[in-house]
Amino acid sequence: MNTDGITELREVNKMMFNVDEIKEPLLSICDLHVWYELRRFGFGHAGYVKAVDGVSFDLAEGETVAVVGESGCGKSSLMKTILALNHPTSGELIFEGKTLSHLKGNALRDYRFDIGYIQQDPYGALPPFMSIQQILEEPLIINGVKDKNERLNRIRNTMSEVKLHPADDYLTKFPHMLSGGQQQRVVIARAMILNPKLIVADEPVSMLDASVRVEILKILGALQEKYHLSVIYITHDLSTVKYFSARIFVMYAGNLIEKAGTRCLLENPLHPYTTALLAATSDPDARNADSYKEVPPGEPPSLVNPPMGCRFHPRCAKTIVGMCDEKKPLEFEHEPGHFVACWLYQPK
């Protein structure tokens, strides 16, 4: 996409989400495609897995957005591309005005310096043979913080901010000596230790007990507010996004199908898939225990050979024959700041 196209898309996104006050986004994703090539032994090329297939959005400085969708929808591929672990097939990622595909060497290292990553599984994310001090000190050493006292002070301050205090009680411990909640706080501390501008949080509470989830989300919220962090919150659970995100992007089969402010989307979901996601969310109210919520039949489509038209139409009870099964719906602003890609809402 050329510069004129990116500028035009940015202005559209500002209008979409009613955020005219944004001067320049911290991160712009412009028509991003991430395809993985399939190869058969002895037979060469065998097609592509179209994990991300035309995703666009802007992320403002200090803003938190949630990308939600079921397993296999492309959330992780999108996340890894933002972390510069995947190379986009086409499209652009622009961070602070710099195109990611053009970054190499020290410039790429500087970009990664500004990005923190919170993994889903704290048990697998922390090396078992390193103490907590070694785990948190490693990124500082790699990035040139040579003074040992400065490293230790930064470690203690960061541990205090994630409620691991007194810090000295934890420094010499190993991950297996901590509870799951404490391990996840160490993962958050490691993501924060270099003072990043953007945090990518991949299902940060899905492996934790319900009683610990709220506390972890409160810690993330306090850090986001204190440091004016931008956060991309990857999740399949719509029950937690209302506590943490300003906007929600719903992803299905490699596409973003609905974008809206959190309250707006949770109170008035438009796309049938979003409605199905909300129906599948657990309800803690015992009075609703016997109620049955209809969920769409079938499974998400293959990303090797996705269906024509709307990718949700094989599972959708509201399919319009001759439209949904033949033409891909365009993104349409149904109401200010609430966009949906569905033929049910296209202007007549």
Protein backbone atom coordinates (compact mmCIF):
# COMPACT_ATOMS: atom_id res chain seq x y z
CA MET A 1 0.00 0.00 0.00
CA ASN A 2 1.43 3.41 -0.95
CA THR A 3 1.72 6.43 1.35
CA ASP A 4 -1.43 8.07 -0.02
CA GLY A 5 -3.42 4.93 0.67
CA ILE A 6 -2.11 4.67 4.21
CA THR A 7 -2.95 8.32 4.90
CA GLU A 8 -6.46 7.87 3.51
CA LEU A 9 -7.00 4.72 5.60
CA ARG A 10 -5.78 6.52 8.72
CA GLU A 11 -8.30 9.34 8.21
CA VAL A 12 -11.06 6.78 7.67
CA ASN A 13 -10.12 4.99 10.89
CA LYS A 14 -10.21 8.27 12.83
CA MET A 15 -13.70 8.93 11.51
CA MET A 16 -14.75 5.34 12.20
CA PHE A 17 -13.93 5.48 15.87
CA ASN A 18 -14.75 9.13 16.47
CA VAL A 19 -11.23 9.95 17.66
CA ASP A 20 -10.39 13.12 15.76
CA GLU A 21 -8.16 14.27 18.61
CA ILE A 22 -5.55 11.62 17.74
CA LYS A 23 -2.61 13.35 16.08
CA GLU A 24 -0.70 10.31 14.92
CA PRO A 25 -1.36 6.69 15.87
CA LEU A 26 1.35 4.79 17.67
CA LEU A 27 0.70 1.74 15.47
CA SER A 28 -1.05 1.53 12.10
CA ILE A 29 -1.91 -1.79 10.50
CA CYS A 30 -2.80 -1.35 6.84
CA ASP A 31 -4.40 -4.15 4.79
CA LEU A 32 -2.24 -6.78 6.49
CA HIS A 33 -2.00 -10.29 5.03
CA VAL A 34 -0.07 -13.11 6.68
CA TRP A 35 -0.12 -16.31 4.64
CA TYR A 36 1.85 -19.47 5.44
CA GLU A 37 2.96 -21.55 2.50
CA LEU A 38 2.10 -25.25 2.51
CA ARG A 39 4.50 -27.65 0.88
CA ARG A 40 4.13 -31.36 0.18
CA PHE A 41 7.25 -33.46 0.32
CA GLY A 42 8.33 -34.13 -3.24
CA PHE A 43 5.49 -32.12 -4.78
CA GLY A 44 6.42 -28.51 -3.98
CA HIS A 45 3.88 -25.77 -3.37
CA ALA A 46 0.50 -26.91 -1.99
CA GLY A 47 -1.30 -23.66 -1.21
CA TYR A 48 -1.40 -21.16 1.64
CA VAL A 49 -2.90 -20.91 5.09
CA LYS A 50 -4.48 -17.44 5.02
CA ALA A 51 -4.17 -16.73 8.75
CA VAL A 52 -4.55 -12.95 8.46
CA ASP A 53 -6.32 -11.80 5.33
CA GLY A 54 -6.76 -8.05 5.06
CA VAL A 55 -6.70 -6.53 8.56
CA SER A 56 -6.53 -2.75 9.12
CA PHE A 57 -6.73 -0.58 12.23
CA ASP A 58 -4.97 2.22 14.10
CA LEU A 59 -3.88 2.12 17.74
CA ALA A 60 -3.47 5.42 19.55
CA GLU A 61 -0.85 6.14 22.19
CA GLY A 62 -2.27 5.15 25.58
CA GLU A 63 -5.18 3.20 24.07
CA THR A 64 -6.20 -0.36 24.91
CA VAL A 65 -7.95 -2.54 22.33
CA ALA A 66 -9.07 -6.15 22.53
CA VAL A 67 -8.86 -8.58 19.60
CA VAL A 68 -11.36 -11.36 20.29
CA GLY A 69 -12.26 -14.54 18.48
CA GLU A 70 -12.24 -18.31 18.84
CA SER A 71 -9.16 -20.49 18.39
CA GLY A 72 -7.86 -20.56 14.83
CA CYS A 73 -9.24 -17.18 13.81
CA GLY A 74 -5.80 -15.61 13.26
CA LYS A 75 -5.29 -13.71 16.54
CA SER A 76 -1.92 -15.29 17.28
CA SER A 77 -0.61 -14.73 13.75
CA LEU A 78 -1.62 -11.08 13.99
CA MET A 79 0.10 -10.82 17.37
CA LYS A 80 3.33 -12.45 16.15
CA THR A 81 3.46 -10.12 13.16
CA ILE A 82 3.11 -7.09 15.45
CA LEU A 83 5.97 -8.52 17.53
CA ALA A 84 8.04 -8.79 14.32
CA LEU A 85 8.25 -12.57 14.69
CA ASN A 86 6.31 -13.07 11.44
CA HIS A 87 6.97 -11.26 8.18
CA PRO A 88 3.80 -9.97 6.50
CA THR A 89 2.93 -11.42 3.10
CA SER A 90 1.57 -8.02 2.10
CA GLY A 91 0.34 -4.84 3.73
CA GLU A 92 2.17 -2.66 6.21
CA LEU A 93 2.72 -2.16 9.92
CA ILE A 94 3.77 1.38 10.79
CA PHE A 95 5.09 2.14 14.28
CA GLU A 96 5.72 5.78 15.16
CA GLY A 97 5.80 6.63 11.46
CA LYS A 98 8.33 3.90 10.57
CA THR A 99 7.37 1.00 8.32
CA LEU A 100 8.19 -2.29 10.04
CA SER A 101 9.12 -4.14 6.85
CA HIS A 102 11.97 -1.65 6.34
CA LEU A 103 13.47 -2.17 9.80
CA LYS A 104 16.62 -4.26 10.04
CA GLY A 105 19.51 -4.70 12.43
CA ASN A 106 19.65 -2.07 15.18
CA ALA A 107 16.43 -0.42 14.00
CA LEU A 108 14.52 -3.69 14.41
CA ARG A 109 16.15 -4.21 17.80
CA ASP A 110 15.05 -0.72 18.87
CA TYR A 111 11.49 -1.52 17.80
CA ARG A 112 11.46 -4.67 19.89
CA PHE A 113 12.84 -2.63 22.78
CA ASP A 114 9.57 -0.64 22.68
CA ILE A 115 7.29 -3.71 22.62
CA GLY A 116 6.45 -5.78 25.70
CA TYR A 117 4.98 -9.27 25.40
CA ILE A 118 2.87 -11.00 28.04
CA GLN A 119 2.54 -14.71 27.29
CA GLN A 120 -0.54 -16.80 27.92
CA ASP A 121 1.09 -19.61 29.87
CA PRO A 122 3.33 -18.39 32.71
CA TYR A 123 4.43 -21.95 33.43
CA GLY A 124 5.94 -22.30 29.96
CA ALA A 125 7.07 -18.69 29.58
CA LEU A 126 9.58 -18.65 32.43
CA PRO A 127 12.83 -20.66 32.15
CA PRO A 128 12.85 -23.08 35.12
CA PHE A 129 16.64 -22.99 35.51
CA MET A 130 16.83 -19.21 36.10
CA SER A 131 16.02 -17.32 39.29
CA ILE A 132 13.51 -14.46 39.22
CA GLN A 133 16.36 -11.96 39.38
CA GLN A 134 18.10 -13.59 36.41
CA ILE A 135 14.85 -13.67 34.40
CA LEU A 136 14.22 -9.95 34.91
CA GLU A 137 17.87 -8.96 34.58
CA GLU A 138 18.44 -10.69 31.24
CA PRO A 139 16.60 -8.15 29.03
CA LEU A 140 18.42 -5.30 30.77
CA ILE A 141 21.81 -6.90 30.12
CA ILE A 142 20.94 -7.65 26.49
CA ASN A 143 19.88 -4.04 25.96
CA GLY A 144 23.02 -2.50 27.41
CA VAL A 145 22.20 -1.61 31.02
CA LYS A 146 25.69 -2.26 32.39
CA ASP A 147 25.44 -0.93 35.93
CA LYS A 148 24.47 -3.78 38.25
CA ASN A 149 22.95 -1.50 40.90
CA GLU A 150 20.80 0.23 38.28
CA ARG A 151 19.58 -3.14 37.03
CA LEU A 152 18.72 -4.26 40.55
CA ASN A 153 16.88 -1.02 41.34
CA ARG A 154 14.81 -1.30 38.16
CA ILE A 155 14.00 -4.93 38.97
CA ARG A 156 12.87 -4.05 42.50
CA ASN A 157 10.75 -1.12 41.30
CA THR A 158 9.08 -3.19 38.58
CA MET A 159 8.38 -6.08 40.95
CA SER A 160 6.78 -3.67 43.39
CA GLU A 161 4.51 -2.35 40.63
CA VAL A 162 3.22 -5.84 39.88
CA LYS A 163 2.62 -6.48 43.60
CA LEU A 164 5.55 -8.80 44.17
CA HIS A 165 6.81 -7.23 47.36
CA PRO A 166 9.00 -7.21 49.22
CA ALA A 167 10.97 -7.88 46.06
CA ASP A 168 13.97 -9.35 47.88
CA ASP A 169 11.80 -12.26 49.05
CA TYR A 170 11.35 -13.34 45.42
CA LEU A 171 14.66 -12.52 43.74
CA THR A 172 16.41 -15.78 44.60
CA LYS A 173 13.38 -18.00 44.00
CA PHE A 174 12.79 -20.11 40.89
CA PRO A 175 9.52 -20.16 38.92
CA HIS A 176 8.37 -23.53 40.32
CA MET A 177 8.43 -22.01 43.81
CA LEU A 178 5.74 -19.45 42.89
CA SER A 179 1.98 -19.76 42.45
CA GLY A 180 0.41 -19.33 39.02
CA GLY A 181 -0.63 -15.76 39.82
CA GLN A 182 2.85 -14.89 41.04
CA GLN A 183 4.40 -16.40 37.93
CA GLN A 184 2.15 -14.30 35.72
CA ARG A 185 3.21 -11.18 37.65
CA VAL A 186 6.82 -12.06 36.86
CA VAL A 187 5.85 -12.36 33.17
CA ILE A 188 4.24 -8.91 33.36
CA ALA A 189 7.31 -7.51 35.13
CA ARG A 190 9.56 -8.88 32.38
CA ALA A 191 7.34 -7.24 29.75
CA MET A 192 7.56 -3.92 31.63
CA ILE A 193 11.24 -3.95 32.60
CA LEU A 194 12.39 -2.01 29.49
CA ASN A 195 9.65 0.66 29.81
CA PRO A 196 7.86 -0.24 26.54
CA LYS A 197 5.40 1.93 24.65
CA LEU A 198 3.21 -0.97 23.54
CA ILE A 199 2.22 -4.16 25.36
CA VAL A 200 0.88 -7.20 23.50
CA ALA A 201 -0.97 -9.38 26.01
CA ASP A 202 -1.81 -12.85 24.72
CA GLU A 203 -4.64 -14.30 26.83
CA PRO A 204 -2.89 -13.05 29.99
CA VAL A 205 -5.47 -14.43 32.45
CA SER A 206 -6.81 -17.54 30.72
CA MET A 207 -4.51 -19.90 32.65
CA LEU A 208 -5.36 -18.41 36.06
CA ASP A 209 -8.01 -19.06 38.66
CA ALA A 210 -11.04 -16.78 38.51
CA SER A 211 -10.10 -15.20 41.83
CA VAL A 212 -6.69 -14.16 40.46
CA ARG A 213 -7.87 -12.85 37.08
CA VAL A 214 -9.38 -9.63 38.38
CA GLU A 215 -6.23 -8.78 40.32
CA ILE A 216 -4.02 -9.34 37.26
CA LEU A 217 -6.30 -7.17 35.11
CA LYS A 218 -6.21 -4.45 37.79
CA ILE A 219 -2.40 -4.53 37.72
CA LEU A 220 -2.38 -4.24 33.93
CA GLY A 221 -4.89 -1.39 34.09
CA ALA A 222 -2.85 0.50 36.68
CA LEU A 223 0.34 0.11 34.63
CA GLN A 224 -1.44 1.20 31.46
CA GLU A 225 -2.76 4.33 33.16
CA LYS A 226 0.48 5.21 34.97
CA TYR A 227 2.74 4.88 31.93
CA HIS A 228 0.18 5.79 29.24
CA LEU A 229 0.80 2.45 27.57
CA SER A 230 -0.87 1.22 24.44
CA VAL A 231 -2.13 -2.34 24.90
CA ILE A 232 -3.36 -4.98 22.47
CA TYR A 233 -5.28 -7.54 24.50
CA ILE A 234 -5.68 -10.87 22.68
CA THR A 235 -8.48 -13.05 24.05
CA HIS A 236 -11.37 -15.37 23.27
CA ASP A 237 -13.23 -14.42 26.45
CA LEU A 238 -15.61 -11.47 26.11
CA SER A 239 -16.34 -11.58 29.85
CA THR A 240 -13.01 -9.90 30.70
CA VAL A 241 -12.68 -7.25 27.99
CA LYS A 242 -15.16 -4.86 29.60
CA TYR A 243 -12.78 -4.40 32.52
CA PHE A 244 -9.80 -3.47 30.42
CA SER A 245 -10.43 -2.36 26.83
CA ALA A 246 -11.69 0.82 25.21
CA ARG A 247 -12.45 -0.84 21.87
CA ILE A 248 -13.12 -4.38 20.70
CA PHE A 249 -12.15 -5.88 17.34
CA VAL A 250 -13.91 -9.17 16.57
CA MET A 251 -11.88 -11.52 14.38
CA TYR A 252 -13.15 -14.50 12.40
CA ALA A 253 -11.26 -16.64 9.88
CA GLY A 254 -8.53 -14.07 9.30
CA ASN A 255 -10.83 -11.02 8.98
CA LEU A 256 -11.96 -8.31 11.39
CA ILE A 257 -15.74 -8.46 11.11
CA GLU A 258 -16.85 -5.95 13.74
CA LYS A 259 -15.18 -2.95 15.43
CA ALA A 260 -16.73 -0.80 18.12
CA GLY A 261 -16.32 0.75 21.53
CA THR A 262 -16.49 -1.86 24.28
CA ARG A 263 -19.81 -0.86 25.82
CA CYS A 264 -21.41 -0.33 22.41
CA LEU A 265 -20.39 -3.76 21.15
CA LEU A 266 -21.33 -5.66 24.31
CA GLU A 267 -24.74 -3.99 24.56
CA ASN A 268 -25.55 -4.02 20.85
CA PRO A 269 -23.62 -6.68 18.90
CA LEU A 270 -24.42 -6.56 15.18
CA HIS A 271 -22.63 -9.40 13.43
CA PRO A 272 -24.20 -12.85 13.98
CA TYR A 273 -20.77 -14.20 14.95
CA THR A 274 -20.33 -11.54 17.65
CA THR A 275 -23.78 -12.44 18.99
CA ALA A 276 -22.71 -16.09 19.06
CA LEU A 277 -19.53 -15.24 20.97
CA LEU A 278 -21.52 -13.38 23.58
CA ALA A 279 -23.98 -16.27 23.84
CA ALA A 280 -21.09 -18.63 24.53
CA THR A 281 -19.74 -16.46 27.36
CA SER A 282 -20.33 -18.03 30.77
CA ASP A 283 -22.96 -16.35 32.90
CA PRO A 284 -22.20 -16.20 36.66
CA ASP A 285 -25.85 -15.49 37.51
CA ALA A 286 -27.37 -18.68 38.95
CA ARG A 287 -30.84 -17.57 37.83
CA ASN A 288 -29.76 -18.17 34.24
CA ALA A 289 -28.35 -21.64 34.84
CA ASP A 290 -31.22 -23.40 33.08
CA SER A 291 -31.40 -21.04 30.13
CA TYR A 292 -30.19 -22.42 26.80
CA LYS A 293 -28.44 -20.10 24.37
CA GLU A 294 -28.35 -20.97 20.71
CA VAL A 295 -24.83 -21.13 19.29
CA PRO A 296 -24.04 -21.60 15.60
CA PRO A 297 -23.42 -25.17 14.41
CA GLY A 298 -20.24 -26.38 12.80
CA GLU A 299 -16.62 -25.36 13.06
CA PRO A 300 -14.57 -22.39 11.81
CA PRO A 301 -13.64 -22.80 8.14
CA SER A 302 -10.32 -24.01 6.83
CA LEU A 303 -7.97 -21.08 6.26
CA VAL A 304 -6.43 -23.01 3.38
CA ASN A 305 -9.66 -22.96 1.38
CA PRO A 306 -11.97 -20.42 3.07
CA PRO A 307 -15.53 -20.20 1.74
CA MET A 308 -16.51 -17.60 -0.82
CA GLY A 309 -18.33 -14.50 0.33
CA CYS A 310 -18.71 -14.00 4.05
CA ARG A 311 -16.58 -16.60 5.80
CA PHE A 312 -19.19 -17.06 8.50
CA HIS A 313 -22.09 -17.80 6.13
CA PRO A 314 -21.89 -21.66 6.33
CA ARG A 315 -22.69 -21.38 10.06
CA CYS A 316 -25.01 -18.40 9.97
CA ALA A 317 -28.81 -18.74 10.38
CA LYS A 318 -29.34 -15.36 8.69
CA THR A 319 -27.50 -16.10 5.44
CA ILE A 320 -28.84 -14.23 2.40
CA VAL A 321 -28.56 -16.65 -0.52
CA GLY A 322 -26.86 -15.07 -3.50
CA MET A 323 -25.15 -12.45 -1.34
CA CYS A 324 -23.48 -13.90 1.75
CA ASP A 325 -22.34 -17.03 -0.09
CA GLU A 326 -20.96 -15.19 -3.13
CA LYS A 327 -19.68 -11.71 -2.21
CA LYS A 328 -17.41 -10.67 0.61
CA PRO A 329 -19.19 -7.95 2.63
CA LEU A 330 -17.56 -4.56 2.91
CA GLU A 331 -17.07 -2.86 6.25
CA PHE A 332 -20.02 -0.54 6.89
CA GLU A 333 -20.59 2.05 9.62
CA HIS A 334 -23.97 1.10 11.02
CA GLU A 335 -23.82 3.85 13.65
CA PRO A 336 -21.10 6.33 14.64
CA GLY A 337 -17.97 4.42 15.62
CA HIS A 338 -19.57 1.00 15.15
CA PHE A 339 -18.43 -0.82 12.03
CA VAL A 340 -19.54 -4.23 10.84
CA ALA A 341 -18.78 -6.35 7.77
CA CYS A 342 -22.12 -8.05 7.18
CA TRP A 343 -24.62 -7.94 4.32
CA LEU A 344 -27.47 -7.57 6.83
CA TYR A 345 -26.37 -4.00 7.48
CA GLN A 346 -25.30 -2.86 4.04
CA PRO A 347 -27.24 0.18 2.75
CA LYS A 348 -30.01 -0.78 0.36
